Amino acid sequence: MLSPGGEDAELFRNRKGFFSINVQAVCDPDLNFLNIVAKWYGSAHDTRIFENSQLYDDLEEQRAPGLLLGDNGYTLSHYLITPFENPLSREQKR
C-alpha cells in the first residue's frame, strides 16, 4: 500500500515499516469466514482491533458460541486459547 497521505498517514505504517491496513478474520474449521474487520490502520495492535469488535462483545457476553485460537499477542480467556509462553519438552521437565 502506498502512503495514504495527510495528517494520519503514519498511523498506517505498521511495525515492519511499511504502510498497510490491519485485517481481523475469523473462520470455522471448514475455512468459512465468520467474521471480518478490515478498517484499522496498520499500526493498530491486533488486541485493540479484537477488543473493539462486535465479535469480542458477543464472546464476552456469551452470545456467540465457539473457541478462538490466537497468538501470544492476545490474552488467554474462556473463549480464546493462546500458546504456552515457555513450553518444555518431556526431557526438559525431568
PDB file of N, CA and C in Angstrom:
ATOM      1  N   MET A   1       0.850  -1.166   0.000  1.00  0.00           N
ATOM      2  CA  MET A   1       0.000   0.000   0.000  1.00  0.00           C
ATOM      3  C   MET A   1       0.895   1.228   0.000  1.00  0.00           C
ATOM      4  N   LEU A   2       0.545   2.207  -0.775  1.00  0.00           N
ATOM      5  CA  LEU A   2       1.252   3.481  -0.775  1.00  0.00           C
ATOM      6  C   LEU A   2       0.756   4.321   0.394  1.00  0.00           C
ATOM      7  N   SER A   3       1.558   5.272   0.796  1.00  0.00           N
ATOM      8  CA  SER A   3       1.143   6.170   1.877  1.00  0.00           C
ATOM      9  C   SER A   3      -0.178   6.834   1.492  1.00  0.00           C
ATOM     10  N   PRO A   4      -1.157   6.825   2.413  1.00  0.00           N
ATOM     11  CA  PRO A   4      -2.420   7.478   2.111  1.00  0.00           C
ATOM     12  C   PRO A   4      -2.331   9.002   2.161  1.00  0.00           C
ATOM     13  N   GLY A   5      -1.207   9.519   2.671  1.00  0.00           N
ATOM     14  CA  GLY A   5      -1.035  10.963   2.762  1.00  0.00           C
ATOM     15  C   GLY A   5      -1.872  11.562   3.876  1.00  0.00           C
ATOM     16  N   GLY A   6      -1.718  12.818   4.097  1.00  0.00           N
ATOM     17  CA  GLY A   6      -2.484  13.513   5.120  1.00  0.00           C
ATOM     18  C   GLY A   6      -1.870  13.406   6.503  1.00  0.00           C
ATOM     19  N   GLU A   7      -2.544  14.023   7.462  1.00  0.00           N
ATOM     20  CA  GLU A   7      -2.050  14.081   8.835  1.00  0.00           C
ATOM     21  C   GLU A   7      -1.938  12.707   9.504  1.00  0.00           C
ATOM     22  N   ASP A   8      -2.807  11.780   9.139  1.00  0.00           N
ATOM     23  CA  ASP A   8      -2.838  10.472   9.786  1.00  0.00           C
ATOM     24  C   ASP A   8      -2.074   9.392   9.026  1.00  0.00           C
ATOM     25  N   ALA A   9      -1.317   9.766   8.032  1.00  0.00           N
ATOM     26  CA  ALA A   9      -0.632   8.782   7.185  1.00  0.00           C
ATOM     27  C   ALA A   9       0.241   7.837   7.994  1.00  0.00           C
ATOM     28  N   GLU A  10       0.960   8.345   8.975  1.00  0.00           N
ATOM     29  CA  GLU A  10       1.886   7.497   9.733  1.00  0.00           C
ATOM     30  C   GLU A  10       1.168   6.446  10.577  1.00  0.00           C
ATOM     31  N   LEU A  11      -0.111   6.630  10.848  1.00  0.00           N
ATOM     32  CA  LEU A  11      -0.873   5.599  11.562  1.00  0.00           C
ATOM     33  C   LEU A  11      -0.944   4.314  10.745  1.00  0.00           C
ATOM     34  N   PHE A  12      -0.842   4.436   9.439  1.00  0.00           N
ATOM     35  CA  PHE A  12      -0.920   3.267   8.562  1.00  0.00           C
ATOM     36  C   PHE A  12       0.411   2.542   8.420  1.00  0.00           C
ATOM     37  N   ARG A  13       1.488   3.113   8.990  1.00  0.00           N
ATOM     38  CA  ARG A  13       2.796   2.459   8.933  1.00  0.00           C
ATOM     39  C   ARG A  13       2.840   1.392  10.018  1.00  0.00           C
ATOM     40  N   ASN A  14       3.002   0.132   9.620  1.00  0.00           N
ATOM     41  CA  ASN A  14       2.991  -0.965  10.584  1.00  0.00           C
ATOM     42  C   ASN A  14       4.358  -1.145  11.244  1.00  0.00           C
ATOM     43  N   ARG A  15       4.459  -2.113  12.144  1.00  0.00           N
ATOM     44  CA  ARG A  15       5.703  -2.306  12.903  1.00  0.00           C
ATOM     45  C   ARG A  15       6.868  -2.755  12.029  1.00  0.00           C
ATOM     46  N   LYS A  16       6.575  -3.231  10.821  1.00  0.00           N
ATOM     47  CA  LYS A  16       7.641  -3.628   9.895  1.00  0.00           C
ATOM     48  C   LYS A  16       8.100  -2.470   9.020  1.00  0.00           C
ATOM     49  N   GLY A  17       7.438  -1.322   9.165  1.00  0.00           N
ATOM     50  CA  GLY A  17       7.891  -0.118   8.490  1.00  0.00           C
ATOM     51  C   GLY A  17       7.196   0.229   7.195  1.00  0.00           C
ATOM     52  N   PHE A  18       6.231  -0.581   6.751  1.00  0.00           N
ATOM     53  CA  PHE A  18       5.534  -0.207   5.525  1.00  0.00           C
ATOM     54  C   PHE A  18       4.070   0.092   5.818  1.00  0.00           C
ATOM     55  N   PHE A  19       3.401   0.736   4.875  1.00  0.00           N
ATOM     56  CA  PHE A  19       2.014   1.151   5.059  1.00  0.00           C
ATOM     57  C   PHE A  19       1.079  -0.027   4.804  1.00  0.00           C
ATOM     58  N   SER A  20       0.050  -0.154   5.651  1.00  0.00           N
ATOM     59  CA  SER A  20      -0.895  -1.261   5.498  1.00  0.00           C
ATOM     60  C   SER A  20      -2.197  -0.966   6.230  1.00  0.00           C
ATOM     61  N   ILE A  21      -3.166  -1.822   5.975  1.00  0.00           N
ATOM     62  CA  ILE A  21      -4.421  -1.867   6.723  1.00  0.00           C
ATOM     63  C   ILE A  21      -4.413  -3.191   7.458  1.00  0.00           C
ATOM     64  N   ASN A  22      -4.761  -3.172   8.740  1.00  0.00           N
ATOM     65  CA  ASN A  22      -4.786  -4.385   9.544  1.00  0.00           C
ATOM     66  C   ASN A  22      -6.150  -5.049   9.393  1.00  0.00           C
ATOM     67  N   VAL A  23      -6.165  -6.368   9.206  1.00  0.00           N
ATOM     68  CA  VAL A  23      -7.404  -7.118   8.994  1.00  0.00           C
ATOM     69  C   VAL A  23      -7.530  -8.215  10.035  1.00  0.00           C
ATOM     70  N   GLN A  24      -8.692  -8.286  10.656  1.00  0.00           N
ATOM     71  CA  GLN A  24      -9.017  -9.392  11.563  1.00  0.00           C
ATOM     72  C   GLN A  24      -9.979 -10.307  10.816  1.00  0.00           C
ATOM     73  N   ALA A  25      -9.638 -11.583  10.736  1.00  0.00           N
ATOM     74  CA  ALA A  25     -10.508 -12.553  10.066  1.00  0.00           C
ATOM     75  C   ALA A  25     -10.616 -13.795  10.935  1.00  0.00           C
ATOM     76  N   VAL A  26     -11.832 -14.293  11.104  1.00  0.00           N
ATOM     77  CA  VAL A  26     -12.099 -15.497  11.891  1.00  0.00           C
ATOM     78  C   VAL A  26     -12.839 -16.473  10.993  1.00  0.00           C
ATOM     79  N   CYS A  27     -12.365 -17.729  10.978  1.00  0.00           N
ATOM     80  CA  CYS A  27     -13.030 -18.738  10.165  1.00  0.00           C
ATOM     81  C   CYS A  27     -13.350 -19.965  11.008  1.00  0.00           C
ATOM     82  N   ASP A  28     -14.235 -20.800  10.478  1.00  0.00           N
ATOM     83  CA  ASP A  28     -14.596 -22.039  11.165  1.00  0.00           C
ATOM     84  C   ASP A  28     -13.655 -23.155  10.707  1.00  0.00           C
ATOM     85  N   PRO A  29     -13.821 -24.375  11.241  1.00  0.00           N
ATOM     86  CA  PRO A  29     -12.924 -25.476  10.862  1.00  0.00           C
ATOM     87  C   PRO A  29     -12.941 -25.824   9.368  1.00  0.00           C
ATOM     88  N   ASP A  30     -14.009 -25.438   8.677  1.00  0.00           N
ATOM     89  CA  ASP A  30     -14.106 -25.693   7.239  1.00  0.00           C
ATOM     90  C   ASP A  30     -13.596 -24.520   6.410  1.00  0.00           C
ATOM     91  N   LEU A  31     -12.955 -23.566   7.066  1.00  0.00           N
ATOM     92  CA  LEU A  31     -12.369 -22.372   6.441  1.00  0.00           C
ATOM     93  C   LEU A  31     -13.396 -21.418   5.841  1.00  0.00           C
ATOM     94  N   ASN A  32     -14.606 -21.433   6.380  1.00  0.00           N
ATOM     95  CA  ASN A  32     -15.618 -20.451   6.018  1.00  0.00           C
ATOM     96  C   ASN A  32     -15.438 -19.233   6.914  1.00  0.00           C
ATOM     97  N   PHE A  33     -15.384 -18.042   6.340  1.00  0.00           N
ATOM     98  CA  PHE A  33     -15.222 -16.838   7.131  1.00  0.00           C
ATOM     99  C   PHE A  33     -16.478 -16.569   7.941  1.00  0.00           C
ATOM    100  N   LEU A  34     -16.285 -16.303   9.237  1.00  0.00           N
ATOM    101  CA  LEU A  34     -17.387 -15.995  10.141  1.00  0.00           C
ATOM    102  C   LEU A  34     -17.398 -14.525  10.536  1.00  0.00           C
ATOM    103  N   ASN A  35     -16.229 -13.886  10.491  1.00  0.00           N
ATOM    104  CA  ASN A  35     -16.112 -12.503  10.924  1.00  0.00           C
ATOM    105  C   ASN A  35     -14.909 -11.877  10.225  1.00  0.00           C
ATOM    106  N   ILE A  36     -15.099 -10.691   9.687  1.00  0.00           N
ATOM    107  CA  ILE A  36     -14.001  -9.943   9.067  1.00  0.00           C
ATOM    108  C   ILE A  36     -14.126  -8.485   9.483  1.00  0.00           C
ATOM    109  N   VAL A  37     -13.018  -7.916   9.954  1.00  0.00           N
ATOM    110  CA  VAL A  37     -12.936  -6.493  10.265  1.00  0.00           C
ATOM    111  C   VAL A  37     -11.733  -5.963   9.502  1.00  0.00           C
ATOM    112  N   ALA A  38     -11.974  -5.068   8.545  1.00  0.00           N
ATOM    113  CA  ALA A  38     -10.890  -4.552   7.690  1.00  0.00           C
ATOM    114  C   ALA A  38     -10.963  -3.036   7.621  1.00  0.00           C
ATOM    115  N   LYS A  39     -10.793  -2.401   8.775  1.00  0.00           N
ATOM    116  CA  LYS A  39     -10.908  -0.942   8.788  1.00  0.00           C
ATOM    117  C   LYS A  39      -9.847  -0.253   9.639  1.00  0.00           C
ATOM    118  N   TRP A  40      -8.947  -1.027  10.247  1.00  0.00           N
ATOM    119  CA  TRP A  40      -7.961  -0.443  11.149  1.00  0.00           C
ATOM    120  C   TRP A  40      -6.652  -0.156  10.426  1.00  0.00           C
ATOM    121  N   TYR A  41      -5.999   0.912  10.826  1.00  0.00           N
ATOM    122  CA  TYR A  41      -4.713   1.292  10.270  1.00  0.00           C
ATOM    123  C   TYR A  41      -3.641   0.278  10.664  1.00  0.00           C
ATOM    124  N   GLY A  42      -2.560   0.234   9.917  1.00  0.00           N
ATOM    125  CA  GLY A  42      -1.522  -0.775  10.088  1.00  0.00           C
ATOM    126  C   GLY A  42      -0.822  -0.784  11.425  1.00  0.00           C
ATOM    127  N   SER A  43      -0.774   0.343  12.118  1.00  0.00           N
ATOM    128  CA  SER A  43      -0.086   0.377  13.408  1.00  0.00           C
ATOM    129  C   SER A  43      -0.970  -0.090  14.561  1.00  0.00           C
ATOM    130  N   ALA A  44      -2.239  -0.360  14.298  1.00  0.00           N
ATOM    131  CA  ALA A  44      -3.139  -0.828  15.363  1.00  0.00           C
ATOM    132  C   ALA A  44      -2.762  -2.247  15.769  1.00  0.00           C
ATOM    133  N   HIS A  45      -2.691  -2.487  17.073  1.00  0.00           N
ATOM    134  CA  HIS A  45      -2.357  -3.812  17.588  1.00  0.00           C
ATOM    135  C   HIS A  45      -3.565  -4.733  17.424  1.00  0.00           C
ATOM    136  N   ASP A  46      -3.284  -6.005  17.170  1.00  0.00           N
ATOM    137  CA  ASP A  46      -4.353  -6.993  16.975  1.00  0.00           C
ATOM    138  C   ASP A  46      -5.333  -7.009  18.149  1.00  0.00           C
ATOM    139  N   THR A  47      -4.808  -6.907  19.359  1.00  0.00           N
ATOM    140  CA  THR A  47      -5.670  -6.927  20.544  1.00  0.00           C
ATOM    141  C   THR A  47      -6.625  -5.742  20.554  1.00  0.00           C
ATOM    142  N   ARG A  48      -6.138  -4.584  20.154  1.00  0.00           N
ATOM    143  CA  ARG A  48      -7.001  -3.396  20.115  1.00  0.00           C
ATOM    144  C   ARG A  48      -8.144  -3.595  19.119  1.00  0.00           C
ATOM    145  N   ILE A  49      -7.829  -4.149  17.978  1.00  0.00           N
ATOM    146  CA  ILE A  49      -8.856  -4.410  16.967  1.00  0.00           C
ATOM    147  C   ILE A  49      -9.885  -5.386  17.514  1.00  0.00           C
ATOM    148  N   PHE A  50      -9.390  -6.486  18.089  1.00  0.00           N
ATOM    149  CA  PHE A  50     -10.292  -7.511  18.621  1.00  0.00           C
ATOM    150  C   PHE A  50     -11.176  -6.954  19.732  1.00  0.00           C
ATOM    151  N   GLU A  51     -10.589  -6.233  20.683  1.00  0.00           N
ATOM    152  CA  GLU A  51     -11.353  -5.732  21.822  1.00  0.00           C
ATOM    153  C   GLU A  51     -12.336  -4.631  21.443  1.00  0.00           C
ATOM    154  N   ASN A  52     -12.229  -4.100  20.244  1.00  0.00           N
ATOM    155  CA  ASN A  52     -13.179  -3.097  19.757  1.00  0.00           C
ATOM    156  C   ASN A  52     -14.130  -3.669  18.717  1.00  0.00           C
ATOM    157  N   SER A  53     -14.171  -4.998  18.599  1.00  0.00           N
ATOM    158  CA  SER A  53     -15.027  -5.635  17.598  1.00  0.00           C
ATOM    159  C   SER A  53     -16.328  -6.146  18.217  1.00  0.00           C
ATOM    160  N   GLN A  54     -17.317  -6.319  17.367  1.00  0.00           N
ATOM    161  CA  GLN A  54     -18.592  -6.897  17.796  1.00  0.00           C
ATOM    162  C   GLN A  54     -18.390  -8.343  18.250  1.00  0.00           C
ATOM    163  N   LEU A  55     -17.474  -9.047  17.597  1.00  0.00           N
ATOM    164  CA  LEU A  55     -17.181 -10.433  17.974  1.00  0.00           C
ATOM    165  C   LEU A  55     -16.724 -10.508  19.428  1.00  0.00           C
ATOM    166  N   TYR A  56     -15.848  -9.613  19.838  1.00  0.00           N
ATOM    167  CA  TYR A  56     -15.371  -9.575  21.222  1.00  0.00           C
ATOM    168  C   TYR A  56     -16.547  -9.386  22.182  1.00  0.00           C
ATOM    169  N   ASP A  57     -17.401  -8.414  21.886  1.00  0.00           N
ATOM    170  CA  ASP A  57     -18.574  -8.172  22.738  1.00  0.00           C
ATOM    171  C   ASP A  57     -19.457  -9.408  22.816  1.00  0.00           C
ATOM    172  N   ASP A  58     -19.680 -10.047  21.671  1.00  0.00           N
ATOM    173  CA  ASP A  58     -20.525 -11.246  21.648  1.00  0.00           C
ATOM    174  C   ASP A  58     -19.917 -12.386  22.450  1.00  0.00           C
ATOM    175  N   LEU A  59     -18.615 -12.567  22.365  1.00  0.00           N
ATOM    176  CA  LEU A  59     -17.953 -13.619  23.130  1.00  0.00           C
ATOM    177  C   LEU A  59     -17.940 -13.293  24.624  1.00  0.00           C
ATOM    178  N   GLU A  60     -17.682 -12.056  24.954  1.00  0.00           N
ATOM    179  CA  GLU A  60     -17.675 -11.632  26.362  1.00  0.00           C
ATOM    180  C   GLU A  60     -19.044 -11.846  27.003  1.00  0.00           C
ATOM    181  N   GLU A  61     -20.099 -11.531  26.265  1.00  0.00           N
ATOM    182  CA  GLU A  61     -21.465 -11.644  26.786  1.00  0.00           C
ATOM    183  C   GLU A  61     -22.076 -13.029  26.542  1.00  0.00           C
ATOM    184  N   GLN A  62     -21.269 -13.938  26.036  1.00  0.00           N
ATOM    185  CA  GLN A  62     -21.660 -15.324  25.758  1.00  0.00           C
ATOM    186  C   GLN A  62     -22.856 -15.413  24.801  1.00  0.00           C
ATOM    187  N   ARG A  63     -22.886 -14.481  23.835  1.00  0.00           N
ATOM    188  CA  ARG A  63     -23.912 -14.507  22.786  1.00  0.00           C
ATOM    189  C   ARG A  63     -23.429 -15.275  21.561  1.00  0.00           C
ATOM    190  N   ALA A  64     -22.125 -15.580  21.522  1.00  0.00           N
ATOM    191  CA  ALA A  64     -21.550 -16.309  20.389  1.00  0.00           C
ATOM    192  C   ALA A  64     -20.889 -17.583  20.915  1.00  0.00           C
ATOM    193  N   PRO A  65     -21.197 -18.723  20.305  1.00  0.00           N
ATOM    194  CA  PRO A  65     -20.549 -19.964  20.734  1.00  0.00           C
ATOM    195  C   PRO A  65     -19.171 -20.081  20.096  1.00  0.00           C
ATOM    196  N   GLY A  66     -18.371 -20.966  20.602  1.00  0.00           N
ATOM    197  CA  GLY A  66     -17.109 -21.256  19.948  1.00  0.00           C
ATOM    198  C   GLY A  66     -15.899 -20.918  20.778  1.00  0.00           C
ATOM    199  N   LEU A  67     -14.758 -21.225  20.188  1.00  0.00           N
ATOM    200  CA  LEU A  67     -13.467 -21.039  20.813  1.00  0.00           C
ATOM    201  C   LEU A  67     -12.505 -20.529  19.754  1.00  0.00           C
ATOM    202  N   LEU A  68     -11.724 -19.513  20.072  1.00  0.00           N
ATOM    203  CA  LEU A  68     -10.766 -18.944  19.138  1.00  0.00           C
ATOM    204  C   LEU A  68      -9.355 -19.379  19.498  1.00  0.00           C
ATOM    205  N   LEU A  69      -8.508 -19.494  18.488  1.00  0.00           N
ATOM    206  CA  LEU A  69      -7.087 -19.732  18.680  1.00  0.00           C
ATOM    207  C   LEU A  69      -6.364 -18.450  18.306  1.00  0.00           C
ATOM    208  N   GLY A  70      -5.542 -17.942  19.220  1.00  0.00           N
ATOM    209  CA  GLY A  70      -4.822 -16.709  18.958  1.00  0.00           C
ATOM    210  C   GLY A  70      -3.345 -16.862  19.256  1.00  0.00           C
ATOM    211  N   ASP A  71      -2.545 -15.900  18.807  1.00  0.00           N
ATOM    212  CA  ASP A  71      -1.119 -15.949  19.113  1.00  0.00           C
ATOM    213  C   ASP A  71      -0.879 -15.322  20.487  1.00  0.00           C
ATOM    214  N   ASN A  72       0.386 -15.213  20.878  1.00  0.00           N
ATOM    215  CA  ASN A  72       0.690 -14.725  22.220  1.00  0.00           C
ATOM    216  C   ASN A  72       0.502 -13.218  22.385  1.00  0.00           C
ATOM    217  N   GLY A  73       0.024 -12.536  21.367  1.00  0.00           N
ATOM    218  CA  GLY A  73      -0.323 -11.125  21.491  1.00  0.00           C
ATOM    219  C   GLY A  73      -1.670 -10.916  22.155  1.00  0.00           C
ATOM    220  N   TYR A  74      -2.437 -11.976  22.292  1.00  0.00           N
ATOM    221  CA  TYR A  74      -3.764 -11.905  22.894  1.00  0.00           C
ATOM    222  C   TYR A  74      -3.723 -12.404  24.330  1.00  0.00           C
ATOM    223  N   THR A  75      -4.743 -12.066  25.092  1.00  0.00           N
ATOM    224  CA  THR A  75      -4.871 -12.509  26.471  1.00  0.00           C
ATOM    225  C   THR A  75      -5.710 -13.782  26.523  1.00  0.00           C
ATOM    226  N   LEU A  76      -5.230 -14.766  27.250  1.00  0.00           N
ATOM    227  CA  LEU A  76      -5.950 -16.021  27.444  1.00  0.00           C
ATOM    228  C   LEU A  76      -7.286 -15.737  28.121  1.00  0.00           C
ATOM    229  N   SER A  77      -8.355 -16.365  27.640  1.00  0.00           N
ATOM    230  CA  SER A  77      -9.675 -16.211  28.257  1.00  0.00           C
ATOM    231  C   SER A  77     -10.468 -17.494  28.058  1.00  0.00           C
ATOM    232  N   HIS A  78     -11.702 -17.489  28.532  1.00  0.00           N
ATOM    233  CA  HIS A  78     -12.530 -18.693  28.410  1.00  0.00           C
ATOM    234  C   HIS A  78     -12.943 -18.984  26.963  1.00  0.00           C
ATOM    235  N   TYR A  79     -12.775 -18.047  26.058  1.00  0.00           N
ATOM    236  CA  TYR A  79     -13.128 -18.257  24.650  1.00  0.00           C
ATOM    237  C   TYR A  79     -11.936 -18.082  23.702  1.00  0.00           C
ATOM    238  N   LEU A  80     -10.740 -17.786  24.234  1.00  0.00           N
ATOM    239  CA  LEU A  80      -9.567 -17.535  23.410  1.00  0.00           C
ATOM    240  C   LEU A  80      -8.359 -18.276  23.969  1.00  0.00           C
ATOM    241  N   ILE A  81      -7.855 -19.246  23.209  1.00  0.00           N
ATOM    242  CA  ILE A  81      -6.697 -20.031  23.617  1.00  0.00           C
ATOM    243  C   ILE A  81      -5.448 -19.422  23.004  1.00  0.00           C
ATOM    244  N   THR A  82      -4.425 -19.255  23.834  1.00  0.00           N
ATOM    245  CA  THR A  82      -3.148 -18.712  23.375  1.00  0.00           C
ATOM    246  C   THR A  82      -2.033 -19.717  23.675  1.00  0.00           C
ATOM    247  N   PRO A  83      -0.884 -19.588  23.020  1.00  0.00           N
ATOM    248  CA  PRO A  83       0.219 -20.544  23.242  1.00  0.00           C
ATOM    249  C   PRO A  83       0.810 -20.445  24.651  1.00  0.00           C
ATOM    250  N   PHE A  84       1.428 -21.543  25.092  1.00  0.00           N
ATOM    251  CA  PHE A  84       2.214 -21.509  26.319  1.00  0.00           C
ATOM    252  C   PHE A  84       3.396 -20.583  26.087  1.00  0.00           C
ATOM    253  N   GLU A  85       3.781 -19.825  27.110  1.00  0.00           N
ATOM    254  CA  GLU A  85       4.899 -18.893  26.953  1.00  0.00           C
ATOM    255  C   GLU A  85       6.227 -19.601  26.737  1.00  0.00           C
ATOM    256  N   ASN A  86       6.553 -20.544  27.591  1.00  0.00           N
ATOM    257  CA  ASN A  86       7.827 -21.251  27.501  1.00  0.00           C
ATOM    258  C   ASN A  86       7.589 -22.740  27.661  1.00  0.00           C
ATOM    259  N   PRO A  87       7.060 -23.405  26.631  1.00  0.00           N
ATOM    260  CA  PRO A  87       6.766 -24.832  26.771  1.00  0.00           C
ATOM    261  C   PRO A  87       8.042 -25.655  26.950  1.00  0.00           C
ATOM    262  N   LEU A  88       7.934 -26.710  27.732  1.00  0.00           N
ATOM    263  CA  LEU A  88       9.061 -27.605  27.973  1.00  0.00           C
ATOM    264  C   LEU A  88       8.769 -28.971  27.373  1.00  0.00           C
ATOM    265  N   SER A  89       9.790 -29.583  26.820  1.00  0.00           N
ATOM    266  CA  SER A  89       9.643 -30.949  26.321  1.00  0.00           C
ATOM    267  C   SER A  89       9.647 -31.898  27.521  1.00  0.00           C
ATOM    268  N   ARG A  90       9.314 -33.150  27.320  1.00  0.00           N
ATOM    269  CA  ARG A  90       9.343 -34.121  28.410  1.00  0.00           C
ATOM    270  C   ARG A  90      10.737 -34.250  29.000  1.00  0.00           C
ATOM    271  N   GLU A  91      11.755 -34.182  28.144  1.00  0.00           N
ATOM    272  CA  GLU A  91      13.138 -34.280  28.608  1.00  0.00           C
ATOM    273  C   GLU A  91      13.507 -33.081  29.491  1.00  0.00           C
ATOM    274  N   GLN A  92      13.042 -31.908  29.127  1.00  0.00           N
ATOM    275  CA  GLN A  92      13.359 -30.705  29.894  1.00  0.00           C
ATOM    276  C   GLN A  92      12.659 -30.703  31.251  1.00  0.00           C
ATOM    277  N   LYS A  93      11.506 -31.357  31.336  1.00  0.00           N
ATOM    278  CA  LYS A  93      10.757 -31.405  32.587  1.00  0.00           C
ATOM    279  C   LYS A  93      11.397 -32.298  33.626  1.00  0.00           C
ATOM    280  N   ARG A  94      12.261 -33.207  33.191  1.00  0.00           N
ATOM    281  CA  ARG A  94      12.897 -34.156  34.112  1.00  0.00           C
ATOM    282  C   ARG A  94      13.969 -33.537  34.931  1.00  0.00           C
TER     283      ARG A  94
END
